[in-house]
Amino acid sequence: MLRKLYDWTLEKASHPHAEWWLAMFAFIEASFFPVPPHPLLGLMCLAEPKKAIRFAVIATLASVAGGLLGYAIGWGLYDTIGADLLRWLGLSESFPVAACYLREYGVEILIVKGATPIPFKLLTITAGFIGMALVPFILASIVSRSISFMIVGVLFRLFGAPIKRFIDKYLGLVTVGFVALVIAGFVAIAYLDGGEDQATAEKCAAATLEQ
Protein backbone atom coordinates (compact mmCIF):
# COMPACT_ATOMS: atom_id res chain seq x y z
CA MET A 1 0.00 0.00 0.00
CA LEU A 2 2.82 2.39 0.90
CA ARG A 3 4.52 1.81 -2.44
CA LYS A 4 1.30 2.58 -4.31
CA LEU A 5 0.77 5.76 -2.32
CA TYR A 6 4.38 6.81 -2.98
CA ASP A 7 4.13 6.15 -6.73
CA TRP A 8 0.78 7.93 -6.90
CA THR A 9 2.26 10.93 -5.09
CA LEU A 10 5.21 11.18 -7.49
CA GLU A 11 2.90 11.08 -10.50
CA LYS A 12 1.49 14.41 -9.37
CA ALA A 13 4.85 16.15 -9.88
CA SER A 14 4.19 16.36 -13.62
CA HIS A 15 0.52 17.28 -13.24
CA PRO A 16 -0.56 20.66 -14.70
CA HIS A 17 -1.77 21.63 -11.25
CA ALA A 18 1.26 20.29 -9.39
CA GLU A 19 1.33 23.24 -6.99
CA TRP A 20 -2.20 22.46 -5.85
CA TRP A 21 -1.27 18.80 -5.38
CA LEU A 22 1.76 19.86 -3.35
CA ALA A 23 -0.40 22.07 -1.15
CA MET A 24 -2.93 19.28 -0.66
CA PHE A 25 -0.29 16.68 0.25
CA ALA A 26 1.43 19.09 2.65
CA PHE A 27 -1.93 19.88 4.26
CA ILE A 28 -3.14 16.32 4.80
CA GLU A 29 0.30 14.96 5.76
CA ALA A 30 0.37 17.34 8.71
CA SER A 31 -2.70 15.68 10.18
CA PHE A 32 -3.32 12.17 8.83
CA PHE A 33 -1.67 11.23 5.49
CA PRO A 34 1.21 8.70 5.84
CA VAL A 35 3.32 9.80 2.83
CA PRO A 36 5.28 13.07 3.29
CA PRO A 37 5.17 15.74 0.55
CA HIS A 38 8.97 16.00 0.38
CA PRO A 39 9.47 13.69 -2.64
CA LEU A 40 6.89 15.65 -4.63
CA LEU A 41 8.47 18.93 -3.52
CA GLY A 42 11.92 17.69 -4.52
CA LEU A 43 10.84 16.62 -8.00
CA MET A 44 9.07 19.91 -8.56
CA CYS A 45 12.23 21.76 -7.50
CA LEU A 46 14.26 19.65 -9.91
CA ALA A 47 11.89 20.37 -12.77
CA GLU A 48 11.76 24.13 -12.09
CA PRO A 49 14.66 25.13 -9.82
CA LYS A 50 13.89 28.84 -10.18
CA LYS A 51 10.59 28.20 -8.38
CA ALA A 52 12.13 26.16 -5.55
CA ILE A 53 11.54 28.88 -2.94
CA ARG A 54 7.98 29.35 -4.15
CA PHE A 55 7.32 25.62 -3.87
CA ALA A 56 8.84 25.49 -0.37
CA VAL A 57 6.66 28.41 0.76
CA ILE A 58 3.54 26.72 -0.62
CA ALA A 59 4.41 23.50 1.21
CA THR A 60 5.16 25.39 4.42
CA LEU A 61 1.92 27.36 4.51
CA ALA A 62 -0.22 24.36 3.56
CA SER A 63 1.49 22.19 6.16
CA VAL A 64 0.94 24.76 8.91
CA ALA A 65 -2.73 24.93 7.92
CA GLY A 66 -2.90 21.13 8.00
CA GLY A 67 -1.24 21.21 11.39
CA LEU A 68 -4.20 23.20 12.67
CA LEU A 69 -6.46 20.36 11.52
CA GLY A 70 -4.25 17.91 13.40
CA TYR A 71 -4.42 20.18 16.44
CA ALA A 72 -8.22 20.23 16.20
CA ILE A 73 -8.32 16.42 16.00
CA GLY A 74 -6.22 16.10 19.13
CA TRP A 75 -8.12 18.84 20.96
CA GLY A 76 -11.71 17.85 20.29
CA LEU A 77 -11.82 14.55 18.41
CA TYR A 78 -9.16 12.38 20.00
CA ASP A 79 -11.58 9.82 21.43
CA THR A 80 -13.66 9.55 18.25
CA ILE A 81 -11.00 9.94 15.54
CA GLY A 82 -7.55 10.68 16.91
CA ALA A 83 -6.84 7.41 18.70
CA ASP A 84 -7.83 5.29 15.70
CA LEU A 85 -5.88 7.56 13.37
CA LEU A 86 -2.69 7.22 15.40
CA ARG A 87 -3.18 3.46 15.53
CA TRP A 88 -3.57 3.33 11.73
CA LEU A 89 -0.40 5.40 11.32
CA GLY A 90 1.52 3.15 13.70
CA LEU A 91 2.12 6.03 16.13
CA SER A 92 0.09 4.90 19.15
CA GLU A 93 3.15 3.95 21.20
CA SER A 94 4.89 7.22 20.32
CA PHE A 95 1.90 9.34 21.34
CA PRO A 96 2.39 9.34 25.13
CA VAL A 97 6.10 9.99 24.61
CA ALA A 98 5.27 12.96 22.39
CA ALA A 99 2.77 14.26 24.97
CA CYS A 100 5.42 14.06 27.69
CA TYR A 101 8.03 15.95 25.68
CA LEU A 102 5.57 18.61 24.52
CA ARG A 103 4.55 19.24 28.12
CA GLU A 104 8.20 19.51 29.17
CA TYR A 105 9.62 21.51 26.27
CA GLY A 106 6.64 23.11 24.49
CA VAL A 107 7.46 24.93 21.28
CA GLU A 108 11.09 23.77 21.32
CA ILE A 109 9.92 20.34 20.20
CA LEU A 110 8.03 21.77 17.23
CA ILE A 111 10.93 23.98 16.15
CA VAL A 112 13.60 21.30 16.46
CA LYS A 113 11.30 18.86 14.67
CA GLY A 114 12.38 20.53 11.41
CA ALA A 115 15.75 18.81 11.77
CA THR A 116 14.50 15.48 13.14
CA PRO A 117 12.50 12.54 11.76
CA ILE A 118 9.61 13.01 14.20
CA PRO A 119 6.34 12.88 12.18
CA PHE A 120 4.75 16.33 12.18
CA LYS A 121 1.26 14.83 12.37
CA LEU A 122 2.20 13.15 15.65
CA LEU A 123 3.12 16.50 17.15
CA THR A 124 0.12 18.41 15.81
CA ILE A 125 -2.39 15.89 17.16
CA THR A 126 -0.53 15.66 20.46
CA ALA A 127 -0.31 19.46 20.80
CA GLY A 128 -4.08 19.70 20.50
CA PHE A 129 -4.58 16.84 22.94
CA ILE A 130 -2.50 18.51 25.68
CA GLY A 131 -3.98 21.95 24.96
CA MET A 132 -0.81 23.74 23.88
CA ALA A 133 -1.32 27.50 23.43
CA LEU A 134 -2.45 28.08 19.85
CA VAL A 135 -0.37 31.14 18.87
CA PRO A 136 2.98 29.65 19.96
CA PHE A 137 1.95 26.41 18.23
CA ILE A 138 1.36 28.24 14.95
CA LEU A 139 4.57 30.28 15.13
CA ALA A 140 6.69 27.25 16.01
CA SER A 141 5.05 25.27 13.21
CA ILE A 142 5.95 27.97 10.68
CA VAL A 143 9.60 27.86 11.75
CA SER A 144 9.72 24.07 11.80
CA ARG A 145 8.05 23.55 8.45
CA SER A 146 10.15 26.27 6.81
CA ILE A 147 13.33 24.52 7.93
CA SER A 148 12.12 21.13 6.76
CA PHE A 149 10.93 22.14 3.31
CA MET A 150 13.75 24.55 2.53
CA ILE A 151 16.33 21.88 3.34
CA VAL A 152 14.59 19.33 1.17
CA GLY A 153 14.23 21.78 -1.69
CA VAL A 154 17.93 22.56 -1.69
CA LEU A 155 19.01 18.93 -1.29
CA PHE A 156 16.81 17.70 -4.11
CA ARG A 157 17.99 20.57 -6.28
CA LEU A 158 21.64 19.59 -5.75
CA PHE A 159 21.41 15.80 -5.38
CA GLY A 160 17.88 15.00 -6.52
CA ALA A 161 18.50 12.14 -8.94
CA PRO A 162 20.59 9.97 -6.55
CA ILE A 163 18.18 10.61 -3.67
CA LYS A 164 15.17 9.62 -5.75
CA ARG A 165 16.88 6.44 -7.00
CA PHE A 166 17.68 5.42 -3.43
CA ILE A 167 14.12 6.01 -2.21
CA ASP A 168 12.67 4.18 -5.22
CA LYS A 169 14.84 1.13 -4.53
CA TYR A 170 14.71 1.03 -0.75
CA LEU A 171 11.33 2.55 0.12
CA GLY A 172 10.54 -0.22 2.62
CA LEU A 173 13.84 0.14 4.45
CA VAL A 174 13.55 3.92 4.41
CA THR A 175 10.10 3.66 6.00
CA VAL A 176 11.26 1.23 8.70
CA GLY A 177 14.27 3.40 9.44
CA PHE A 178 12.07 6.48 9.64
CA VAL A 179 9.80 4.88 12.22
CA ALA A 180 12.78 3.61 14.23
CA LEU A 181 14.20 7.13 14.38
CA VAL A 182 11.06 8.67 15.87
CA ILE A 183 11.99 7.87 19.47
CA ALA A 184 15.62 8.68 18.72
CA GLY A 185 14.49 12.14 17.65
CA PHE A 186 12.83 12.71 21.01
CA VAL A 187 15.92 11.48 22.85
CA ALA A 188 18.08 13.92 20.89
CA ILE A 189 15.78 16.78 21.84
CA ALA A 190 16.19 15.87 25.50
CA TYR A 191 19.82 16.91 25.24
CA LEU A 192 19.22 20.35 23.75
CA ASP A 193 20.66 21.89 26.90
CA GLY A 194 23.91 19.96 26.74
CA GLY A 195 22.56 16.63 27.96
CA GLU A 196 21.69 17.92 31.42
CA ASP A 197 18.04 16.83 31.44
CA GLN A 198 18.50 13.08 31.50
CA ALA A 199 15.71 12.71 34.06
CA THR A 200 13.22 14.14 31.58
CA ALA A 201 14.47 11.80 28.87
CA GLU A 202 14.04 8.78 31.12
CA LYS A 203 10.59 9.91 32.30
CA CYS A 204 9.29 10.49 28.79
CA ALA A 205 10.81 7.30 27.40
CA ALA A 206 8.72 5.42 29.95
CA ALA A 207 5.59 7.54 29.47
CA THR A 208 2.18 5.97 28.99
CA LEU A 209 -1.13 7.54 27.98
CA GLU A 210 -2.40 7.34 31.57
CA GLN A 211 0.47 9.55 32.70
C-alpha atoms as a PDB file:
ATOM      1  CA  MET A   1       0.000   0.000   0.000  1.00  0.00           C
ATOM      2  CA  LEU A   2       2.816   2.391   0.905  1.00  0.00           C
ATOM      3  CA  ARG A   3       4.517   1.807  -2.443  1.00  0.00           C
ATOM      4  CA  LYS A   4       1.298   2.576  -4.311  1.00  0.00           C
ATOM      5  CA  LEU A   5       0.773   5.763  -2.315  1.00  0.00           C
ATOM      6  CA  TYR A   6       4.378   6.807  -2.977  1.00  0.00           C
ATOM      7  CA  ASP A   7       4.127   6.154  -6.731  1.00  0.00           C
ATOM      8  CA  TRP A   8       0.781   7.935  -6.904  1.00  0.00           C
ATOM      9  CA  THR A   9       2.259  10.925  -5.091  1.00  0.00           C
ATOM     10  CA  LEU A  10       5.207  11.177  -7.487  1.00  0.00           C
ATOM     11  CA  GLU A  11       2.896  11.078 -10.496  1.00  0.00           C
ATOM     12  CA  LYS A  12       1.486  14.410  -9.372  1.00  0.00           C
ATOM     13  CA  ALA A  13       4.846  16.145  -9.881  1.00  0.00           C
ATOM     14  CA  SER A  14       4.186  16.364 -13.623  1.00  0.00           C
ATOM     15  CA  HIS A  15       0.520  17.281 -13.243  1.00  0.00           C
ATOM     16  CA  PRO A  16      -0.560  20.661 -14.701  1.00  0.00           C
ATOM     17  CA  HIS A  17      -1.770  21.627 -11.247  1.00  0.00           C
ATOM     18  CA  ALA A  18       1.260  20.292  -9.393  1.00  0.00           C
ATOM     19  CA  GLU A  19       1.332  23.244  -6.987  1.00  0.00           C
ATOM     20  CA  TRP A  20      -2.199  22.458  -5.851  1.00  0.00           C
ATOM     21  CA  TRP A  21      -1.269  18.800  -5.384  1.00  0.00           C
ATOM     22  CA  LEU A  22       1.756  19.860  -3.345  1.00  0.00           C
ATOM     23  CA  ALA A  23      -0.402  22.074  -1.154  1.00  0.00           C
ATOM     24  CA  MET A  24      -2.926  19.282  -0.665  1.00  0.00           C
ATOM     25  CA  PHE A  25      -0.292  16.682   0.250  1.00  0.00           C
ATOM     26  CA  ALA A  26       1.429  19.087   2.651  1.00  0.00           C
ATOM     27  CA  PHE A  27      -1.930  19.883   4.261  1.00  0.00           C
ATOM     28  CA  ILE A  28      -3.139  16.320   4.799  1.00  0.00           C
ATOM     29  CA  GLU A  29       0.296  14.965   5.757  1.00  0.00           C
ATOM     30  CA  ALA A  30       0.368  17.340   8.709  1.00  0.00           C
ATOM     31  CA  SER A  31      -2.704  15.676  10.177  1.00  0.00           C
ATOM     32  CA  PHE A  32      -3.323  12.172   8.829  1.00  0.00           C
ATOM     33  CA  PHE A  33      -1.669  11.232   5.485  1.00  0.00           C
ATOM     34  CA  PRO A  34       1.212   8.703   5.836  1.00  0.00           C
ATOM     35  CA  VAL A  35       3.323   9.804   2.828  1.00  0.00           C
ATOM     36  CA  PRO A  36       5.282  13.074   3.287  1.00  0.00           C
ATOM     37  CA  PRO A  37       5.170  15.742   0.546  1.00  0.00           C
ATOM     38  CA  HIS A  38       8.966  16.004   0.378  1.00  0.00           C
ATOM     39  CA  PRO A  39       9.474  13.686  -2.643  1.00  0.00           C
ATOM     40  CA  LEU A  40       6.891  15.649  -4.627  1.00  0.00           C
ATOM     41  CA  LEU A  41       8.471  18.928  -3.515  1.00  0.00           C
ATOM     42  CA  GLY A  42      11.920  17.687  -4.517  1.00  0.00           C
ATOM     43  CA  LEU A  43      10.839  16.616  -7.997  1.00  0.00           C
ATOM     44  CA  MET A  44       9.071  19.905  -8.565  1.00  0.00           C
ATOM     45  CA  CYS A  45      12.234  21.760  -7.498  1.00  0.00           C
ATOM     46  CA  LEU A  46      14.265  19.648  -9.909  1.00  0.00           C
ATOM     47  CA  ALA A  47      11.894  20.374 -12.772  1.00  0.00           C
ATOM     48  CA  GLU A  48      11.759  24.127 -12.095  1.00  0.00           C
ATOM     49  CA  PRO A  49      14.662  25.132  -9.824  1.00  0.00           C
ATOM     50  CA  LYS A  50      13.885  28.836 -10.176  1.00  0.00           C
ATOM     51  CA  LYS A  51      10.593  28.198  -8.382  1.00  0.00           C
ATOM     52  CA  ALA A  52      12.126  26.159  -5.550  1.00  0.00           C
ATOM     53  CA  ILE A  53      11.541  28.875  -2.940  1.00  0.00           C
ATOM     54  CA  ARG A  54       7.981  29.351  -4.145  1.00  0.00           C
ATOM     55  CA  PHE A  55       7.321  25.616  -3.868  1.00  0.00           C
ATOM     56  CA  ALA A  56       8.837  25.490  -0.372  1.00  0.00           C
ATOM     57  CA  VAL A  57       6.663  28.406   0.756  1.00  0.00           C
ATOM     58  CA  ILE A  58       3.544  26.719  -0.616  1.00  0.00           C
ATOM     59  CA  ALA A  59       4.411  23.502   1.207  1.00  0.00           C
ATOM     60  CA  THR A  60       5.163  25.387   4.418  1.00  0.00           C
ATOM     61  CA  LEU A  61       1.915  27.365   4.505  1.00  0.00           C
ATOM     62  CA  ALA A  62      -0.218  24.358   3.559  1.00  0.00           C
ATOM     63  CA  SER A  63       1.491  22.187   6.159  1.00  0.00           C
ATOM     64  CA  VAL A  64       0.938  24.756   8.905  1.00  0.00           C
ATOM     65  CA  ALA A  65      -2.735  24.926   7.921  1.00  0.00           C
ATOM     66  CA  GLY A  66      -2.897  21.132   8.001  1.00  0.00           C
ATOM     67  CA  GLY A  67      -1.240  21.213  11.386  1.00  0.00           C
ATOM     68  CA  LEU A  68      -4.200  23.200  12.669  1.00  0.00           C
ATOM     69  CA  LEU A  69      -6.460  20.358  11.523  1.00  0.00           C
ATOM     70  CA  GLY A  70      -4.247  17.906  13.398  1.00  0.00           C
ATOM     71  CA  TYR A  71      -4.419  20.179  16.437  1.00  0.00           C
ATOM     72  CA  ALA A  72      -8.224  20.225  16.202  1.00  0.00           C
ATOM     73  CA  ILE A  73      -8.321  16.416  15.999  1.00  0.00           C
ATOM     74  CA  GLY A  74      -6.224  16.102  19.133  1.00  0.00           C
ATOM     75  CA  TRP A  75      -8.117  18.843  20.960  1.00  0.00           C
ATOM     76  CA  GLY A  76     -11.711  17.850  20.286  1.00  0.00           C
ATOM     77  CA  LEU A  77     -11.816  14.554  18.412  1.00  0.00           C
ATOM     78  CA  TYR A  78      -9.161  12.381  20.004  1.00  0.00           C
ATOM     79  CA  ASP A  79     -11.582   9.816  21.434  1.00  0.00           C
ATOM     80  CA  THR A  80     -13.657   9.548  18.252  1.00  0.00           C
ATOM     81  CA  ILE A  81     -11.002   9.942  15.540  1.00  0.00           C
ATOM     82  CA  GLY A  82      -7.549  10.679  16.909  1.00  0.00           C
ATOM     83  CA  ALA A  83      -6.836   7.408  18.696  1.00  0.00           C
ATOM     84  CA  ASP A  84      -7.832   5.286  15.703  1.00  0.00           C
ATOM     85  CA  LEU A  85      -5.883   7.559  13.367  1.00  0.00           C
ATOM     86  CA  LEU A  86      -2.687   7.224  15.396  1.00  0.00           C
ATOM     87  CA  ARG A  87      -3.182   3.456  15.529  1.00  0.00           C
ATOM     88  CA  TRP A  88      -3.571   3.332  11.733  1.00  0.00           C
ATOM     89  CA  LEU A  89      -0.405   5.399  11.317  1.00  0.00           C
ATOM     90  CA  GLY A  90       1.522   3.152  13.703  1.00  0.00           C
ATOM     91  CA  LEU A  91       2.119   6.027  16.135  1.00  0.00           C
ATOM     92  CA  SER A  92       0.088   4.896  19.148  1.00  0.00           C
ATOM     93  CA  GLU A  93       3.149   3.953  21.201  1.00  0.00           C
ATOM     94  CA  SER A  94       4.888   7.220  20.321  1.00  0.00           C
ATOM     95  CA  PHE A  95       1.897   9.338  21.336  1.00  0.00           C
ATOM     96  CA  PRO A  96       2.390   9.341  25.133  1.00  0.00           C
ATOM     97  CA  VAL A  97       6.102   9.990  24.609  1.00  0.00           C
ATOM     98  CA  ALA A  98       5.268  12.959  22.394  1.00  0.00           C
ATOM     99  CA  ALA A  99       2.774  14.257  24.971  1.00  0.00           C
ATOM    100  CA  CYS A 100       5.419  14.060  27.692  1.00  0.00           C
ATOM    101  CA  TYR A 101       8.027  15.950  25.675  1.00  0.00           C
ATOM    102  CA  LEU A 102       5.573  18.609  24.522  1.00  0.00           C
ATOM    103  CA  ARG A 103       4.548  19.243  28.124  1.00  0.00           C
ATOM    104  CA  GLU A 104       8.197  19.505  29.168  1.00  0.00           C
ATOM    105  CA  TYR A 105       9.620  21.514  26.268  1.00  0.00           C
ATOM    106  CA  GLY A 106       6.639  23.107  24.491  1.00  0.00           C
ATOM    107  CA  VAL A 107       7.462  24.934  21.275  1.00  0.00           C
ATOM    108  CA  GLU A 108      11.090  23.769  21.315  1.00  0.00           C
ATOM    109  CA  ILE A 109       9.916  20.342  20.200  1.00  0.00           C
ATOM    110  CA  LEU A 110       8.028  21.774  17.226  1.00  0.00           C
ATOM    111  CA  ILE A 111      10.927  23.978  16.154  1.00  0.00           C
ATOM    112  CA  VAL A 112      13.604  21.302  16.458  1.00  0.00           C
ATOM    113  CA  LYS A 113      11.302  18.862  14.673  1.00  0.00           C
ATOM    114  CA  GLY A 114      12.379  20.525  11.411  1.00  0.00           C
ATOM    115  CA  ALA A 115      15.754  18.814  11.771  1.00  0.00           C
ATOM    116  CA  THR A 116      14.502  15.480  13.144  1.00  0.00           C
ATOM    117  CA  PRO A 117      12.505  12.536  11.762  1.00  0.00           C
ATOM    118  CA  ILE A 118       9.606  13.006  14.204  1.00  0.00           C
ATOM    119  CA  PRO A 119       6.345  12.880  12.182  1.00  0.00           C
ATOM    120  CA  PHE A 120       4.752  16.331  12.183  1.00  0.00           C
ATOM    121  CA  LYS A 121       1.263  14.834  12.370  1.00  0.00           C
ATOM    122  CA  LEU A 122       2.196  13.149  15.653  1.00  0.00           C
ATOM    123  CA  LEU A 123       3.120  16.503  17.154  1.00  0.00           C
ATOM    124  CA  THR A 124       0.118  18.410  15.813  1.00  0.00           C
ATOM    125  CA  ILE A 125      -2.395  15.894  17.164  1.00  0.00           C
ATOM    126  CA  THR A 126      -0.533  15.665  20.458  1.00  0.00           C
ATOM    127  CA  ALA A 127      -0.314  19.457  20.800  1.00  0.00           C
ATOM    128  CA  GLY A 128      -4.081  19.699  20.499  1.00  0.00           C
ATOM    129  CA  PHE A 129      -4.580  16.840  22.943  1.00  0.00           C
ATOM    130  CA  ILE A 130      -2.495  18.506  25.677  1.00  0.00           C
ATOM    131  CA  GLY A 131      -3.981  21.949  24.959  1.00  0.00           C
ATOM    132  CA  MET A 132      -0.811  23.745  23.878  1.00  0.00           C
ATOM    133  CA  ALA A 133      -1.325  27.503  23.435  1.00  0.00           C
ATOM    134  CA  LEU A 134      -2.448  28.080  19.854  1.00  0.00           C
ATOM    135  CA  VAL A 135      -0.373  31.135  18.867  1.00  0.00           C
ATOM    136  CA  PRO A 136       2.978  29.649  19.964  1.00  0.00           C
ATOM    137  CA  PHE A 137       1.948  26.413  18.235  1.00  0.00           C
ATOM    138  CA  ILE A 138       1.357  28.238  14.945  1.00  0.00           C
ATOM    139  CA  LEU A 139       4.574  30.281  15.127  1.00  0.00           C
ATOM    140  CA  ALA A 140       6.690  27.246  16.010  1.00  0.00           C
ATOM    141  CA  SER A 141       5.049  25.265  13.209  1.00  0.00           C
ATOM    142  CA  ILE A 142       5.949  27.967  10.679  1.00  0.00           C
ATOM    143  CA  VAL A 143       9.603  27.861  11.745  1.00  0.00           C
ATOM    144  CA  SER A 144       9.723  24.068  11.799  1.00  0.00           C
ATOM    145  CA  ARG A 145       8.051  23.547   8.445  1.00  0.00           C
ATOM    146  CA  SER A 146      10.147  26.273   6.808  1.00  0.00           C
ATOM    147  CA  ILE A 147      13.334  24.517   7.933  1.00  0.00           C
ATOM    148  CA  SER A 148      12.118  21.129   6.761  1.00  0.00           C
ATOM    149  CA  PHE A 149      10.930  22.140   3.311  1.00  0.00           C
ATOM    150  CA  MET A 150      13.748  24.548   2.527  1.00  0.00           C
ATOM    151  CA  ILE A 151      16.334  21.883   3.344  1.00  0.00           C
ATOM    152  CA  VAL A 152      14.589  19.325   1.167  1.00  0.00           C
ATOM    153  CA  GLY A 153      14.226  21.780  -1.689  1.00  0.00           C
ATOM    154  CA  VAL A 154      17.935  22.563  -1.687  1.00  0.00           C
ATOM    155  CA  LEU A 155      19.013  18.928  -1.295  1.00  0.00           C
ATOM    156  CA  PHE A 156      16.812  17.705  -4.113  1.00  0.00           C
ATOM    157  CA  ARG A 157      17.991  20.572  -6.279  1.00  0.00           C
ATOM    158  CA  LEU A 158      21.638  19.589  -5.751  1.00  0.00           C
ATOM    159  CA  PHE A 159      21.406  15.801  -5.381  1.00  0.00           C
ATOM    160  CA  GLY A 160      17.875  14.997  -6.517  1.00  0.00           C
ATOM    161  CA  ALA A 161      18.496  12.143  -8.939  1.00  0.00           C
ATOM    162  CA  PRO A 162      20.586   9.975  -6.551  1.00  0.00           C
ATOM    163  CA  ILE A 163      18.182  10.612  -3.673  1.00  0.00           C
ATOM    164  CA  LYS A 164      15.174   9.625  -5.752  1.00  0.00           C
ATOM    165  CA  ARG A 165      16.877   6.436  -6.997  1.00  0.00           C
ATOM    166  CA  PHE A 166      17.679   5.421  -3.429  1.00  0.00           C
ATOM    167  CA  ILE A 167      14.117   6.005  -2.213  1.00  0.00           C
ATOM    168  CA  ASP A 168      12.666   4.180  -5.216  1.00  0.00           C
ATOM    169  CA  LYS A 169      14.841   1.126  -4.533  1.00  0.00           C
ATOM    170  CA  TYR A 170      14.711   1.029  -0.749  1.00  0.00           C
ATOM    171  CA  LEU A 171      11.332   2.554   0.123  1.00  0.00           C
ATOM    172  CA  GLY A 172      10.536  -0.217   2.617  1.00  0.00           C
ATOM    173  CA  LEU A 173      13.835   0.142   4.447  1.00  0.00           C
ATOM    174  CA  VAL A 174      13.549   3.919   4.407  1.00  0.00           C
ATOM    175  CA  THR A 175      10.103   3.656   6.004  1.00  0.00           C
ATOM    176  CA  VAL A 176      11.260   1.232   8.700  1.00  0.00           C
ATOM    177  CA  GLY A 177      14.265   3.397   9.442  1.00  0.00           C
ATOM    178  CA  PHE A 178      12.071   6.482   9.638  1.00  0.00           C
ATOM    179  CA  VAL A 179       9.799   4.879  12.222  1.00  0.00           C
ATOM    180  CA  ALA A 180      12.776   3.606  14.226  1.00  0.00           C
ATOM    181  CA  LEU A 181      14.201   7.127  14.377  1.00  0.00           C
ATOM    182  CA  VAL A 182      11.058   8.669  15.871  1.00  0.00           C
ATOM    183  CA  ILE A 183      11.988   7.874  19.472  1.00  0.00           C
ATOM    184  CA  ALA A 184      15.624   8.676  18.720  1.00  0.00           C
ATOM    185  CA  GLY A 185      14.494  12.136  17.653  1.00  0.00           C
ATOM    186  CA  PHE A 186      12.825  12.710  21.015  1.00  0.00           C
ATOM    187  CA  VAL A 187      15.916  11.478  22.852  1.00  0.00           C
ATOM    188  CA  ALA A 188      18.078  13.916  20.886  1.00  0.00           C
ATOM    189  CA  ILE A 189      15.781  16.784  21.841  1.00  0.00           C
ATOM    190  CA  ALA A 190      16.185  15.871  25.497  1.00  0.00           C
ATOM    191  CA  TYR A 191      19.815  16.913  25.240  1.00  0.00           C
ATOM    192  CA  LEU A 192      19.222  20.352  23.754  1.00  0.00           C
ATOM    193  CA  ASP A 193      20.661  21.891  26.898  1.00  0.00           C
ATOM    194  CA  GLY A 194      23.909  19.957  26.745  1.00  0.00           C
ATOM    195  CA  GLY A 195      22.556  16.632  27.960  1.00  0.00           C
ATOM    196  CA  GLU A 196      21.693  17.921  31.422  1.00  0.00           C
ATOM    197  CA  ASP A 197      18.044  16.830  31.441  1.00  0.00           C
ATOM    198  CA  GLN A 198      18.504  13.081  31.503  1.00  0.00           C
ATOM    199  CA  ALA A 199      15.714  12.706  34.060  1.00  0.00           C
ATOM    200  CA  THR A 200      13.220  14.138  31.580  1.00  0.00           C
ATOM    201  CA  ALA A 201      14.472  11.803  28.866  1.00  0.00           C
ATOM    202  CA  GLU A 202      14.036   8.784  31.118  1.00  0.00           C
ATOM    203  CA  LYS A 203      10.592   9.910  32.295  1.00  0.00           C
ATOM    204  CA  CYS A 204       9.289  10.492  28.785  1.00  0.00           C
ATOM    205  CA  ALA A 205      10.810   7.299  27.400  1.00  0.00           C
ATOM    206  CA  ALA A 206       8.719   5.417  29.953  1.00  0.00           C
ATOM    207  CA  ALA A 207       5.588   7.540  29.467  1.00  0.00           C
ATOM    208  CA  THR A 208       2.179   5.974  28.988  1.00  0.00           C
ATOM    209  CA  LEU A 209      -1.129   7.536  27.979  1.00  0.00           C
ATOM    210  CA  GLU A 210      -2.403   7.344  31.565  1.00  0.00           C
ATOM    211  CA  GLN A 211       0.469   9.553  32.698  1.00  0.00           C
END
